[in-house]
Amino acid sequence: MEVHVRKMQDLVIISLRGRMDTIAAPKFEERLSDLISKGERKFQIDLSSLEYISSTGLRSILLITKKVKAENGEIAFSGLKGPVKEVFMSSGFYAILKILEPQPAQWRAQPLTDKEYAVCFNAFRSMSTEFTAMVRWLKEEFITDIVDKKSMDVLSIGSGTGDFDLTLMKLIKERVPEISYVALDPNEEHNDIFSKRVQESQIDLKSFQIIPKPFHGGEIKENFDIIHLTHCLYYIEDRKEAIRQAFELLKPHGSLLIFHQTPIGINEIQREYMKKIKGDEREMFSSRDILKTFDELGIRFKFDILISDMDVTDCIRGNRNGRLLLNFILESNLDRLEDSLNQEIISTLKEICRVEEGRYFLFQPFGIFWIKKE
């Protein structure tokens, strides 16, 4: 049997994997006794990966429980299922021990409203260097490739609050006198912010329109010189069809840009907790999946990975900004999330971060797909 120990503030989480038999049970008892002697008083025993427990194992469980309580400590057991749960039920242990029952997903976390998402997105933007890396790429790689022309039509799919679009508008304007801009985003809160920012920017556009709908392809009739999907494919149901339709909407020699997360960084947290938090993983989608999609569609593309970091120190400290960032990462309102799962997420986050001068940084590289229509 494997015994994994991790500490989250004053809570010690013990994860057991394998079989808790006559040989393994005393080792478990010895490990817990050692932690108690060192002053630990609050324990959670995760049995979700335990395949079997013998009567000797039950004996060790009971002895440790009594030992913890004798020291005025707390001990709870979680993840009971299958044969292990049956043994706890039939032995009466289920009635005398503190068992943490899993809550239904809808009670763990609610989806973010448009307004909540906009606030959480701002928290993400303030803690990530991603936007800076995107702008640098636009200036050094993309804009220099644009041939000077009189006018240009641009479609932004998933425009959000317009941070990327406003930068793109200004850079294109340096080379192209007339720009017609169409933005597509179902988030009304984001659309209001973007619209006001365009007015305040005083960028001279030939036309500007925001369509408050998700992208399906049919709502767009004209063709474009530039189309970009910036971190929005997570929320589109049929991603392959969306990419195909976006490619079809390009004018000859037009460019399709897709900015998307890689399997490293945020996606690591999502792979571990998205299903636990939301009950499904439909929004978990990385650049690796897009690579497969392009191969299936037979579309040629350029691919690059840009370096970006995210300062998640506030998440570790548990303050408001940190909670907003976690809400953004897991696409949910975590205010009602049980404390043990919240602490588990924080512990996992710490494990994959690097620490510099007391601050925690999550390596968050992102992928850029650049398709030119021949």
Protein backbone atom coordinates (compact mmCIF):
# COMPACT_ATOMS: atom_id res chain seq x y z
CA MET A 1 0.00 0.00 0.00
CA GLU A 2 1.22 3.50 -0.86
CA VAL A 3 0.83 6.30 1.68
CA HIS A 4 1.02 9.88 0.38
CA VAL A 5 1.13 12.76 2.85
CA ARG A 6 0.56 16.40 2.04
CA LYS A 7 0.00 19.40 4.30
CA MET A 8 -2.46 22.22 3.65
CA GLN A 9 -2.23 24.84 6.37
CA ASP A 10 -3.13 22.91 9.55
CA LEU A 11 -4.74 19.98 7.72
CA VAL A 12 -2.76 16.81 6.96
CA ILE A 13 -4.22 14.82 4.07
CA ILE A 14 -3.24 11.14 3.92
CA SER A 15 -3.99 9.41 0.61
CA LEU A 16 -3.94 5.61 0.63
CA ARG A 17 -3.49 3.59 -2.56
CA GLY A 18 -3.65 -0.18 -3.00
CA ARG A 19 -4.46 -2.78 -0.32
CA MET A 20 -4.55 -2.15 3.43
CA ASP A 21 -3.85 -5.66 4.63
CA THR A 22 -2.02 -7.26 7.59
CA ILE A 23 1.37 -6.06 6.31
CA ALA A 24 0.36 -2.53 5.28
CA ALA A 25 -1.92 -1.61 8.18
CA PRO A 26 0.83 -1.38 10.87
CA LYS A 27 2.86 0.90 8.56
CA PHE A 28 -0.13 3.22 8.24
CA GLU A 29 -0.59 3.20 12.02
CA GLU A 30 3.10 3.94 12.55
CA ARG A 31 3.09 6.83 10.05
CA LEU A 32 0.05 8.48 11.65
CA SER A 33 1.41 7.99 15.16
CA ASP A 34 4.63 9.72 14.12
CA LEU A 35 2.67 12.71 12.76
CA ILE A 36 0.64 12.93 15.96
CA SER A 37 3.84 12.88 18.06
CA LYS A 38 5.11 15.81 15.97
CA GLY A 39 2.09 17.87 16.93
CA GLU A 40 -0.28 17.34 14.02
CA ARG A 41 -3.90 17.35 15.16
CA LYS A 42 -6.11 17.63 12.09
CA PHE A 43 -6.27 14.76 9.57
CA GLN A 44 -8.22 13.76 6.48
CA ILE A 45 -7.74 10.18 5.26
CA ASP A 46 -8.47 9.90 1.53
CA LEU A 47 -9.54 6.33 0.70
CA SER A 48 -10.61 6.96 -2.92
CA SER A 49 -7.69 4.89 -4.27
CA LEU A 50 -7.87 2.13 -1.65
CA GLU A 51 -8.90 -1.16 -3.26
CA TYR A 52 -9.16 -3.40 -0.17
CA ILE A 53 -9.13 -3.18 3.61
CA SER A 54 -8.79 -6.13 6.00
CA SER A 55 -9.92 -6.46 9.61
CA THR A 56 -6.37 -5.53 10.62
CA GLY A 57 -6.75 -2.37 8.58
CA LEU A 58 -10.00 -1.54 10.36
CA ARG A 59 -8.24 -2.08 13.67
CA SER A 60 -5.52 0.42 12.73
CA ILE A 61 -8.17 2.92 11.59
CA LEU A 62 -9.96 2.68 14.92
CA LEU A 63 -6.76 2.88 17.01
CA ILE A 64 -5.56 5.98 15.14
CA THR A 65 -8.99 7.61 15.45
CA LYS A 66 -8.95 7.11 19.22
CA LYS A 67 -5.36 8.38 19.44
CA VAL A 68 -6.21 11.57 17.53
CA LYS A 69 -9.28 12.24 19.66
CA ALA A 70 -7.26 11.63 22.82
CA GLU A 71 -5.09 14.57 21.75
CA ASN A 72 -8.20 16.71 21.14
CA GLY A 73 -7.60 16.40 17.40
CA GLU A 74 -9.90 15.82 14.42
CA ILE A 75 -9.89 13.01 11.88
CA ALA A 76 -12.23 12.42 8.93
CA PHE A 77 -12.38 9.88 6.12
CA SER A 78 -13.24 10.66 2.50
CA GLY A 79 -13.52 8.95 -0.87
CA LEU A 80 -15.18 5.75 0.38
CA LYS A 81 -16.53 3.63 -2.46
CA GLY A 82 -16.95 0.06 -3.70
CA PRO A 83 -15.72 -2.82 -1.50
CA VAL A 84 -14.04 -0.48 0.99
CA LYS A 85 -17.27 1.41 1.60
CA GLU A 86 -19.14 -1.89 1.98
CA VAL A 87 -16.68 -3.04 4.66
CA PHE A 88 -17.09 0.25 6.54
CA MET A 89 -20.89 -0.08 6.32
CA SER A 90 -21.10 -3.74 7.38
CA SER A 91 -18.63 -3.29 10.26
CA GLY A 92 -20.50 -0.32 11.71
CA PHE A 93 -17.50 1.98 11.20
CA TYR A 94 -19.55 4.16 8.87
CA ALA A 95 -21.75 5.15 11.83
CA ILE A 96 -19.01 5.87 14.39
CA LEU A 97 -16.40 7.65 12.22
CA LYS A 98 -16.62 11.08 10.61
CA ILE A 99 -17.21 10.40 6.90
CA LEU A 100 -16.98 13.22 4.35
CA GLU A 101 -19.65 12.50 1.76
CA PRO A 102 -19.03 13.83 -1.77
CA GLN A 103 -21.40 16.67 -2.61
CA PRO A 104 -23.26 16.82 -5.93
CA ALA A 105 -21.40 18.95 -8.47
CA GLN A 106 -24.18 21.56 -8.55
CA TRP A 107 -23.65 22.19 -4.84
CA ARG A 108 -19.91 22.48 -5.14
CA ALA A 109 -19.73 25.27 -7.66
CA GLN A 110 -22.12 27.32 -9.75
CA PRO A 111 -21.32 28.58 -13.27
CA LEU A 112 -20.06 32.14 -13.48
CA THR A 113 -22.47 34.81 -14.64
CA ASP A 114 -21.37 37.17 -17.41
CA LYS A 115 -20.56 39.85 -14.85
CA GLU A 116 -18.66 37.44 -12.58
CA TYR A 117 -16.65 36.12 -15.51
CA ALA A 118 -15.71 39.65 -16.56
CA VAL A 119 -14.44 40.40 -13.02
CA CYS A 120 -12.54 37.10 -12.84
CA PHE A 121 -11.02 37.68 -16.27
CA ASN A 122 -9.67 41.05 -15.12
CA ALA A 123 -8.02 39.30 -12.17
CA PHE A 124 -6.39 36.85 -14.57
CA ARG A 125 -5.17 39.64 -16.84
CA SER A 126 -3.55 41.48 -13.92
CA MET A 127 -1.61 38.38 -12.82
CA SER A 128 -0.49 36.99 -16.20
CA THR A 129 2.23 38.06 -18.63
CA GLU A 130 0.33 36.40 -21.48
CA PHE A 131 -1.04 39.61 -22.98
CA THR A 132 2.42 41.16 -23.14
CA ALA A 133 3.72 38.10 -24.98
CA MET A 134 0.79 38.21 -27.42
CA VAL A 135 1.39 41.87 -28.26
CA ARG A 136 5.09 41.25 -28.78
CA TRP A 137 4.29 38.43 -31.19
CA LEU A 138 1.85 40.62 -33.11
CA LYS A 139 4.46 43.35 -33.54
CA GLU A 140 7.43 41.13 -34.35
CA GLU A 141 5.81 38.34 -36.40
CA PHE A 142 2.32 39.09 -37.65
CA ILE A 143 2.01 42.80 -38.47
CA THR A 144 5.29 42.90 -40.36
CA ASP A 145 3.83 40.26 -42.70
CA ILE A 146 0.79 42.36 -43.64
CA VAL A 147 1.03 43.82 -47.12
CA ASP A 148 0.00 47.47 -47.23
CA LYS A 149 -3.48 47.77 -48.68
CA LYS A 150 -6.29 50.32 -48.76
CA SER A 151 -8.82 48.47 -46.60
CA MET A 152 -9.10 45.40 -44.42
CA ASP A 153 -11.98 43.44 -42.87
CA VAL A 154 -11.42 41.83 -39.47
CA LEU A 155 -13.55 39.33 -37.54
CA SER A 156 -12.92 38.79 -33.83
CA ILE A 157 -14.50 35.60 -32.45
CA GLY A 158 -14.69 35.71 -28.66
CA SER A 159 -13.67 39.37 -28.42
CA GLY A 160 -14.10 39.64 -24.65
CA THR A 161 -13.37 43.08 -23.23
CA GLY A 162 -11.37 43.97 -26.33
CA ASP A 163 -7.83 44.11 -24.90
CA PHE A 164 -6.36 42.14 -27.79
CA ASP A 165 -8.63 43.74 -30.41
CA LEU A 166 -7.79 47.32 -29.49
CA THR A 167 -4.09 46.53 -29.83
CA LEU A 168 -4.67 44.76 -33.14
CA MET A 169 -6.72 47.69 -34.45
CA LYS A 170 -3.95 50.17 -33.66
CA LEU A 171 -1.24 48.03 -35.24
CA ILE A 172 -3.24 47.40 -38.43
CA LYS A 173 -4.14 51.09 -38.64
CA GLU A 174 -0.45 51.93 -39.01
CA ARG A 175 -0.48 50.08 -42.36
CA VAL A 176 -4.11 50.12 -43.52
CA PRO A 177 -6.22 53.33 -43.76
CA GLU A 178 -9.67 51.70 -43.63
CA ILE A 179 -10.64 48.94 -41.19
CA SER A 180 -14.05 47.28 -40.89
CA TYR A 181 -14.29 45.39 -37.63
CA VAL A 182 -16.84 42.77 -36.57
CA ALA A 183 -16.74 41.26 -33.07
CA LEU A 184 -18.66 38.20 -31.91
CA ASP A 185 -19.18 37.40 -28.21
CA PRO A 186 -22.22 36.18 -26.22
CA ASN A 187 -21.03 37.85 -22.99
CA GLU A 188 -23.09 41.07 -22.78
CA GLU A 189 -20.96 42.42 -19.93
CA HIS A 190 -17.82 42.08 -22.03
CA ASN A 191 -19.53 43.59 -25.07
CA ASP A 192 -20.54 46.74 -23.16
CA ILE A 193 -16.99 47.20 -21.91
CA PHE A 194 -15.50 46.62 -25.36
CA SER A 195 -17.91 49.03 -27.06
CA LYS A 196 -17.10 51.83 -24.59
CA ARG A 197 -13.38 51.23 -24.95
CA VAL A 198 -13.56 51.51 -28.74
CA GLN A 199 -15.37 54.84 -28.41
CA GLU A 200 -12.84 56.12 -25.89
CA SER A 201 -9.89 54.99 -28.02
CA GLN A 202 -10.95 57.29 -30.89
CA ILE A 203 -9.53 54.79 -33.39
CA ASP A 204 -10.85 55.81 -36.81
CA LEU A 205 -12.68 52.70 -38.07
CA LYS A 206 -14.67 52.48 -41.27
CA SER A 207 -17.24 50.39 -39.37
CA PHE A 208 -17.54 48.59 -36.06
CA GLN A 209 -20.13 46.00 -35.01
CA ILE A 210 -20.54 43.65 -32.06
CA ILE A 211 -22.79 40.61 -32.53
CA PRO A 212 -23.89 39.30 -29.09
CA LYS A 213 -23.98 35.63 -30.10
CA PRO A 214 -21.75 32.55 -29.94
CA PHE A 215 -20.00 31.62 -33.18
CA HIS A 216 -21.80 29.07 -35.36
CA GLY A 217 -20.79 30.38 -38.77
CA GLY A 218 -24.23 31.00 -40.21
CA GLU A 219 -24.62 34.44 -38.62
CA ILE A 220 -21.66 35.77 -40.66
CA LYS A 221 -22.22 36.42 -44.37
CA GLU A 222 -19.15 38.36 -45.53
CA ASN A 223 -15.51 37.29 -45.84
CA PHE A 224 -12.51 38.66 -43.94
CA ASP A 225 -8.82 39.41 -44.32
CA ILE A 226 -8.13 38.53 -40.67
CA ILE A 227 -10.08 36.27 -38.33
CA HIS A 228 -8.90 35.50 -34.83
CA LEU A 229 -10.17 33.22 -32.08
CA THR A 230 -8.48 34.30 -28.86
CA HIS A 231 -8.96 31.82 -26.00
CA CYS A 232 -12.56 31.08 -26.95
CA LEU A 233 -12.64 27.55 -28.42
CA TYR A 234 -13.21 26.17 -24.90
CA TYR A 235 -16.76 27.51 -25.00
CA ILE A 236 -17.68 26.41 -28.53
CA GLU A 237 -19.45 23.07 -28.66
CA ASP A 238 -18.26 21.87 -32.08
CA ARG A 239 -14.67 23.12 -32.23
CA LYS A 240 -13.75 21.30 -35.43
CA GLU A 241 -16.70 22.80 -37.29
CA ALA A 242 -15.92 26.26 -35.88
CA ILE A 243 -12.34 26.10 -37.18
CA ARG A 244 -13.54 24.82 -40.57
CA GLN A 245 -16.11 27.60 -40.90
CA ALA A 246 -13.64 30.27 -39.79
CA PHE A 247 -11.24 29.07 -42.48
CA GLU A 248 -14.02 29.19 -45.08
CA LEU A 249 -14.80 32.81 -44.13
CA LEU A 250 -11.27 33.92 -45.04
CA LYS A 251 -10.63 35.90 -48.18
CA PRO A 252 -7.88 34.60 -50.48
CA HIS A 253 -4.51 35.25 -48.77
CA GLY A 254 -6.38 35.97 -45.53
CA SER A 255 -5.04 34.96 -42.10
CA LEU A 256 -6.69 32.92 -39.35
CA LEU A 257 -5.14 33.27 -35.88
CA ILE A 258 -5.96 30.99 -32.97
CA PHE A 259 -4.55 31.72 -29.50
CA HIS A 260 -5.06 28.87 -27.06
CA GLN A 261 -3.68 27.34 -23.87
CA THR A 262 -1.25 24.44 -23.98
CA PRO A 263 -1.49 21.33 -21.76
CA ILE A 264 0.91 23.07 -19.35
CA GLY A 265 -0.25 25.49 -16.64
CA ILE A 266 -3.96 26.18 -16.27
CA ASN A 267 -4.81 22.99 -18.15
CA GLU A 268 -2.96 20.95 -15.51
CA ILE A 269 -5.31 22.25 -12.82
CA GLN A 270 -8.34 21.74 -15.05
CA ARG A 271 -7.43 18.13 -15.84
CA GLU A 272 -7.26 17.40 -12.13
CA TYR A 273 -10.31 19.30 -10.89
CA MET A 274 -12.65 20.46 -13.67
CA LYS A 275 -14.85 17.37 -13.51
CA LYS A 276 -14.91 17.36 -9.71
CA ILE A 277 -15.90 21.02 -9.62
CA LYS A 278 -18.34 21.27 -12.53
CA GLY A 279 -19.38 17.69 -13.14
CA ASP A 280 -18.04 17.71 -16.72
CA GLU A 281 -14.87 18.54 -18.67
CA ARG A 282 -16.31 19.97 -21.86
CA GLU A 283 -14.47 23.28 -21.53
CA MET A 284 -11.12 21.56 -20.98
CA PHE A 285 -9.44 21.87 -24.38
CA SER A 286 -5.76 22.46 -25.16
CA SER A 287 -3.52 23.21 -28.14
CA ARG A 288 -2.84 19.49 -28.41
CA ASP A 289 -6.50 18.95 -29.37
CA ILE A 290 -6.32 21.74 -31.97
CA LEU A 291 -3.27 20.14 -33.57
CA LYS A 292 -5.28 16.95 -34.06
CA THR A 293 -8.20 18.95 -35.49
CA PHE A 294 -6.03 20.63 -38.12
CA ASP A 295 -4.63 17.25 -39.14
CA GLU A 296 -8.18 15.94 -39.57
CA LEU A 297 -9.21 18.98 -41.62
CA GLY A 298 -6.07 18.84 -43.76
CA ILE A 299 -5.34 22.55 -43.23
CA ARG A 300 -1.73 23.73 -43.28
CA PHE A 301 -0.64 26.00 -40.44
CA LYS A 302 2.24 27.53 -38.55
CA PHE A 303 2.46 26.81 -34.84
CA ASP A 304 4.43 28.52 -32.14
CA ILE A 305 4.49 28.43 -28.33
CA LEU A 306 5.05 31.66 -26.44
CA ILE A 307 6.35 31.89 -22.89
CA SER A 308 4.05 33.31 -20.25
CA ASP A 309 3.86 33.21 -16.45
CA MET A 310 1.04 33.74 -13.99
CA ASP A 311 1.62 35.06 -10.47
CA VAL A 312 -0.68 32.89 -8.31
CA THR A 313 0.62 34.09 -4.93
CA ASP A 314 -2.81 35.48 -4.09
CA CYS A 315 -4.32 32.03 -4.64
CA ILE A 316 -1.87 30.53 -2.16
CA ARG A 317 -2.60 33.29 0.35
CA GLY A 318 -6.34 32.79 -0.09
CA ASN A 319 -7.30 36.44 -0.58
CA ARG A 320 -10.05 37.84 -2.81
CA ASN A 321 -7.91 38.26 -5.93
CA GLY A 322 -6.70 34.70 -5.53
CA ARG A 323 -10.25 33.40 -5.32
CA LEU A 324 -11.21 35.35 -8.46
CA LEU A 325 -8.28 33.80 -10.31
CA LEU A 326 -9.27 30.27 -9.20
CA ASN A 327 -12.83 31.01 -10.33
CA PHE A 328 -11.45 31.95 -13.75
CA ILE A 329 -9.22 28.88 -14.00
CA LEU A 330 -12.03 26.46 -13.12
CA GLU A 331 -14.81 28.48 -14.80
CA SER A 332 -16.93 28.37 -11.63
CA ASN A 333 -17.94 30.30 -8.54
CA LEU A 334 -16.00 28.53 -5.81
CA ASP A 335 -17.43 30.48 -2.87
CA ARG A 336 -19.45 27.47 -1.66
CA LEU A 337 -16.79 24.87 -2.38
CA GLU A 338 -16.02 22.63 0.58
CA ASP A 339 -12.84 23.65 2.34
CA SER A 340 -11.07 20.31 1.96
CA LEU A 341 -11.35 20.37 -1.84
CA ASN A 342 -10.38 24.02 -1.97
CA GLN A 343 -7.26 23.27 0.05
CA GLU A 344 -6.47 20.32 -2.21
CA ILE A 345 -6.57 22.61 -5.25
CA ILE A 346 -4.22 25.07 -3.55
CA SER A 347 -1.84 22.25 -2.64
CA THR A 348 -1.75 21.01 -6.22
CA LEU A 349 -1.16 24.54 -7.47
CA LYS A 350 1.81 24.94 -5.14
CA GLU A 351 3.31 21.67 -6.36
CA ILE A 352 3.47 22.82 -10.01
CA CYS A 353 4.65 26.38 -9.30
CA ARG A 354 8.13 27.76 -9.00
CA VAL A 355 8.91 30.10 -6.10
CA GLU A 356 10.90 33.29 -6.53
CA GLU A 357 11.46 35.69 -3.63
CA GLY A 358 8.47 34.30 -1.77
CA ARG A 359 6.06 34.52 -4.72
CA TYR A 360 4.51 31.61 -6.62
CA PHE A 361 4.60 31.56 -10.43
CA LEU A 362 2.71 29.15 -12.67
CA PHE A 363 4.40 28.52 -16.03
CA GLN A 364 1.61 29.23 -18.52
CA PRO A 365 2.87 28.92 -22.12
CA PHE A 366 0.25 29.33 -24.83
CA GLY A 367 0.02 28.25 -28.45
CA ILE A 368 -0.45 30.35 -31.58
CA PHE A 369 -1.85 28.81 -34.76
CA TRP A 370 -1.40 30.90 -37.88
CA ILE A 371 -3.20 29.80 -41.05
CA LYS A 372 -2.85 31.61 -44.37
CA LYS A 373 -5.44 30.89 -47.03
CA GLU A 374 -3.65 30.25 -50.29
